[in-house]
Amino acid sequence: MYNAHQSLLHQTVLVLGGASGIGAAVARQARARGARVIVASRQAVSPGEGIEACVADITDTRALQALFSGVGTVDHLVISAGPAVQARPLAQSDLQLAREAFEVKFWGALQAIQLALPHLSAHASISLTSGLLSRKFVAGQMIKTTLNAALEALARQLAKELAPRRVNVVSPGLTETEAYAGMDAESRQAMFARAGAGLPVGRVGAADEVAAGYLLAMENGFMTASVIDIDGGGLI
């Protein structure tokens, strides 16, 4: 009988970019469902009870090779690593920064998947992370829009190529995470309040709410090439 609380029992979940925020929430929820969970990030972290941690930069080929070799067979690969990208109109954009963003979030993800292939189980799932700006066009957000759209296209292509392994994308809206820790608390809360007021749900998201989308992609064996929007209605 299906047991939601043990749905990932005896399965291995590897989260690239799991040090904090959404990735860390995915790791906690997968662990609660019985999985062996490993998080990998650029810096050493203490991810929580029962969760293994490794240091590996997603752009570092040798570090990723060592990571996959050490982990063994992976049943679910989650990639949530991504750089901070500031909004800029094209005329004021530093295209080198745009290239660096693609190097991490797009090329880093593609390299990680390629290196993971020999270690993925026959029916493994891969979950990528985009964002609502892939399909919501906002002036000044050229980099995020093109980067996230590229990831969604990549996922659909790989879902075809890597079948029966499954490839999906979670597309979050604005989510309250440590990514905004650089702002002072008052400014951060004011920003969240303004953004939330413009959404049908009336607030921004929480990391655990977005993480639930990745668990859906892991657990639902009939889901592939899907973009899972968890954005509080931000696309409408």
Protein backbone atom coordinates (compact mmCIF):
# COMPACT_ATOMS: atom_id res chain seq x y z
CA MET A 1 0.00 0.00 0.00
CA TYR A 2 1.24 3.51 -0.85
CA ASN A 3 2.50 5.42 2.16
CA ALA A 4 3.01 9.12 1.49
CA HIS A 5 5.33 9.41 4.45
CA GLN A 6 7.66 6.71 3.09
CA SER A 7 7.23 7.27 -0.64
CA LEU A 8 10.97 7.69 -1.26
CA LEU A 9 12.15 4.91 1.05
CA HIS A 10 15.39 3.25 -0.13
CA GLN A 11 15.82 5.90 -2.86
CA THR A 12 18.70 8.36 -3.18
CA VAL A 13 18.03 12.05 -3.75
CA LEU A 14 20.88 14.38 -4.70
CA VAL A 15 20.23 18.13 -4.48
CA LEU A 16 22.72 20.44 -6.20
CA GLY A 17 22.34 23.84 -4.59
CA GLY A 18 20.81 22.50 -1.41
CA ALA A 19 22.60 24.69 1.12
CA SER A 20 19.65 26.97 1.80
CA GLY A 21 16.30 28.19 0.57
CA ILE A 22 14.29 26.02 -1.79
CA GLY A 23 17.01 23.39 -2.22
CA ALA A 24 17.31 22.90 1.53
CA ALA A 25 13.53 22.59 1.82
CA VAL A 26 13.53 19.92 -0.90
CA ALA A 27 16.21 18.02 1.02
CA ARG A 28 14.23 18.12 4.27
CA GLN A 29 11.00 16.97 2.63
CA ALA A 30 12.71 14.14 0.74
CA ARG A 31 14.38 12.97 3.92
CA ALA A 32 11.01 13.01 5.71
CA ARG A 33 9.73 10.63 3.04
CA GLY A 34 12.44 8.10 3.79
CA ALA A 35 15.05 8.96 1.16
CA ARG A 36 18.77 8.98 1.54
CA VAL A 37 19.48 12.67 0.82
CA ILE A 38 22.75 14.33 -0.20
CA VAL A 39 23.07 18.07 -0.71
CA ALA A 40 25.96 19.62 -2.59
CA SER A 41 26.90 23.28 -2.55
CA ARG A 42 29.90 25.53 -3.07
CA GLN A 43 30.47 25.89 0.66
CA ALA A 44 30.30 23.45 3.54
CA VAL A 45 26.91 23.44 5.29
CA SER A 46 25.10 21.60 8.07
CA PRO A 47 21.95 20.56 6.21
CA GLY A 48 20.06 18.91 9.04
CA GLU A 49 19.68 15.58 10.78
CA GLY A 50 20.07 12.58 8.53
CA ILE A 51 21.09 14.60 5.45
CA GLU A 52 24.57 14.18 3.98
CA ALA A 53 26.52 17.21 2.74
CA CYS A 54 29.23 17.57 0.11
CA VAL A 55 31.16 20.53 -1.26
CA ALA A 56 30.93 20.79 -5.05
CA ASP A 57 30.60 23.79 -7.35
CA ILE A 58 28.22 23.04 -10.21
CA THR A 59 30.68 24.61 -12.67
CA ASP A 60 33.61 22.46 -11.46
CA THR A 61 33.82 19.34 -13.65
CA ARG A 62 36.24 17.42 -11.42
CA ALA A 63 34.26 18.20 -8.27
CA LEU A 64 31.06 16.92 -9.89
CA GLN A 65 32.77 13.77 -11.15
CA ALA A 66 34.03 13.05 -7.65
CA LEU A 67 30.61 13.79 -6.18
CA PHE A 68 28.75 11.37 -8.45
CA SER A 69 31.35 8.66 -8.02
CA GLY A 70 31.11 8.95 -4.25
CA VAL A 71 27.32 9.03 -4.04
CA GLY A 72 26.66 5.90 -6.10
CA THR A 73 23.33 5.33 -7.84
CA VAL A 74 21.05 8.39 -7.87
CA ASP A 75 17.27 7.99 -8.16
CA HIS A 76 16.37 11.68 -8.15
CA LEU A 77 18.61 14.56 -9.20
CA VAL A 78 17.43 18.03 -8.21
CA ILE A 79 19.25 21.11 -9.50
CA SER A 80 18.35 24.34 -7.74
CA ALA A 81 21.74 26.09 -7.96
CA GLY A 82 21.61 29.53 -9.51
CA PRO A 83 23.26 32.95 -9.34
CA ALA A 84 21.76 36.22 -8.18
CA VAL A 85 20.83 38.28 -11.25
CA GLN A 86 19.98 41.97 -11.04
CA ALA A 87 17.45 43.57 -13.35
CA ARG A 88 19.03 45.85 -15.94
CA PRO A 89 17.84 47.26 -19.28
CA LEU A 90 19.85 46.02 -22.23
CA ALA A 91 21.66 49.32 -22.69
CA GLN A 92 23.02 49.10 -19.14
CA SER A 93 23.65 45.34 -19.00
CA ASP A 94 27.09 43.83 -18.53
CA LEU A 95 26.97 40.93 -20.96
CA GLN A 96 29.89 39.25 -19.21
CA LEU A 97 27.70 38.97 -16.11
CA ALA A 98 24.99 37.48 -18.32
CA ARG A 99 27.46 34.89 -19.61
CA GLU A 100 28.48 34.05 -16.05
CA ALA A 101 24.84 33.56 -15.06
CA PHE A 102 24.35 31.15 -17.95
CA GLU A 103 27.59 29.40 -17.02
CA VAL A 104 26.16 28.55 -13.61
CA LYS A 105 22.46 27.96 -14.13
CA PHE A 106 22.33 26.62 -17.70
CA TRP A 107 25.73 25.17 -18.59
CA GLY A 108 26.29 24.06 -14.99
CA ALA A 109 22.99 22.17 -14.99
CA LEU A 110 23.67 20.62 -18.40
CA GLN A 111 27.15 19.51 -17.34
CA ALA A 112 25.78 18.05 -14.10
CA ILE A 113 23.19 16.01 -15.98
CA GLN A 114 25.75 14.75 -18.49
CA LEU A 115 28.13 13.66 -15.74
CA ALA A 116 25.28 12.13 -13.74
CA LEU A 117 24.08 9.86 -16.56
CA PRO A 118 26.27 6.83 -15.69
CA HIS A 119 25.07 7.07 -12.09
CA LEU A 120 21.32 7.59 -12.63
CA SER A 121 18.99 4.67 -12.03
CA ALA A 122 17.02 3.34 -15.01
CA HIS A 123 13.87 5.27 -14.08
CA ALA A 124 15.48 8.26 -12.36
CA SER A 125 13.94 11.71 -12.28
CA ILE A 126 15.72 15.00 -12.94
CA SER A 127 14.22 18.26 -11.70
CA LEU A 128 15.47 21.64 -12.90
CA THR A 129 14.60 25.12 -11.62
CA SER A 130 13.45 28.01 -13.78
CA GLY A 131 11.19 30.88 -12.73
CA LEU A 132 8.03 32.68 -13.82
CA LEU A 133 10.05 35.24 -15.81
CA SER A 134 10.61 32.55 -18.43
CA ARG A 135 7.07 33.34 -19.64
CA LYS A 136 6.30 36.68 -17.98
CA PHE A 137 8.04 39.46 -19.85
CA VAL A 138 9.23 42.37 -17.74
CA ALA A 139 11.44 45.22 -18.91
CA GLY A 140 14.97 44.85 -17.58
CA GLN A 141 14.74 41.11 -17.00
CA MET A 142 16.36 39.94 -20.25
CA ILE A 143 18.86 37.66 -18.52
CA LYS A 144 16.40 35.86 -16.24
CA THR A 145 13.84 35.50 -19.02
CA THR A 146 16.20 33.97 -21.55
CA LEU A 147 18.02 31.84 -18.98
CA ASN A 148 14.86 30.33 -17.51
CA ALA A 149 13.28 29.82 -20.93
CA ALA A 150 16.41 27.99 -22.06
CA LEU A 151 16.20 25.65 -19.07
CA GLU A 152 12.56 24.85 -19.78
CA ALA A 153 13.37 24.04 -23.41
CA LEU A 154 16.30 21.90 -22.28
CA ALA A 155 14.09 19.91 -19.94
CA ARG A 156 11.59 19.09 -22.66
CA GLN A 157 14.36 18.05 -25.05
CA LEU A 158 16.02 15.83 -22.45
CA ALA A 159 12.70 14.29 -21.41
CA LYS A 160 12.51 12.97 -24.96
CA GLU A 161 16.16 11.97 -25.22
CA LEU A 162 16.69 10.41 -21.80
CA ALA A 163 13.40 8.48 -21.53
CA PRO A 164 12.35 6.45 -19.60
CA ARG A 165 14.15 8.72 -17.16
CA ARG A 166 11.94 11.71 -16.45
CA VAL A 167 12.88 15.39 -16.67
CA ASN A 168 10.73 18.20 -15.24
CA VAL A 169 11.08 21.83 -14.22
CA VAL A 170 9.79 23.68 -11.18
CA SER A 171 9.09 27.35 -11.89
CA PRO A 172 8.81 29.38 -8.66
CA GLY A 173 7.52 32.87 -8.26
CA LEU A 174 8.93 35.24 -5.66
CA THR A 175 9.76 33.12 -2.62
CA GLU A 176 10.90 34.25 0.82
CA THR A 177 14.34 32.66 1.21
CA GLU A 178 17.86 33.48 2.33
CA ALA A 179 18.53 34.82 -1.17
CA TYR A 180 17.30 38.19 0.11
CA ALA A 181 19.31 38.14 3.35
CA GLY A 182 21.53 40.94 2.00
CA MET A 183 18.64 43.40 2.38
CA ASP A 184 17.85 44.88 5.77
CA ALA A 185 14.83 43.27 7.40
CA GLU A 186 12.51 46.25 7.00
CA SER A 187 13.25 46.70 3.30
CA ARG A 188 12.97 42.98 2.68
CA GLN A 189 9.56 42.69 4.32
CA ALA A 190 8.33 45.80 2.52
CA MET A 191 9.41 44.32 -0.79
CA PHE A 192 7.65 41.02 -0.04
CA ALA A 193 4.50 42.89 0.99
CA ARG A 194 4.43 44.95 -2.22
CA ALA A 195 5.02 41.92 -4.41
CA GLY A 196 2.52 39.78 -2.54
CA ALA A 197 -0.19 42.41 -2.78
CA GLY A 198 -0.10 42.09 -6.56
CA LEU A 199 -0.66 38.33 -6.54
CA PRO A 200 -4.02 36.54 -6.47
CA VAL A 201 -3.01 34.74 -3.25
CA GLY A 202 -2.04 38.04 -1.63
CA ARG A 203 1.46 37.04 -0.49
CA VAL A 204 4.81 35.69 -1.68
CA GLY A 205 5.70 32.02 -1.42
CA ALA A 206 7.49 29.98 1.21
CA ALA A 207 10.36 27.62 0.44
CA ASP A 208 8.44 24.58 1.71
CA GLU A 209 5.54 25.37 -0.65
CA VAL A 210 7.84 25.48 -3.66
CA ALA A 211 9.72 22.38 -2.51
CA ALA A 212 6.48 20.41 -2.71
CA GLY A 213 6.67 20.76 -6.49
CA TYR A 214 9.97 18.89 -6.63
CA LEU A 215 8.55 16.11 -4.48
CA LEU A 216 5.62 15.84 -6.89
CA ALA A 217 8.07 15.50 -9.79
CA MET A 218 9.98 12.77 -7.94
CA GLU A 219 6.95 10.77 -6.84
CA ASN A 220 4.70 10.97 -9.91
CA GLY A 221 6.07 8.46 -12.39
CA PHE A 222 3.68 9.66 -15.12
CA MET A 223 5.05 13.22 -15.11
CA THR A 224 7.78 14.25 -17.53
CA ALA A 225 8.55 17.30 -19.70
CA SER A 226 6.30 19.31 -17.36
CA VAL A 227 6.80 22.82 -16.03
CA ILE A 228 5.34 23.01 -12.52
CA ASP A 229 4.32 26.60 -11.80
CA ILE A 230 4.28 27.54 -8.11
CA ASP A 231 4.02 31.31 -8.27
CA GLY A 232 0.89 32.40 -6.41
CA GLY A 233 -0.78 33.20 -9.72
CA GLY A 234 2.03 35.46 -10.87
CA LEU A 235 1.69 34.39 -14.51
CA ILE A 236 -1.91 35.60 -14.83
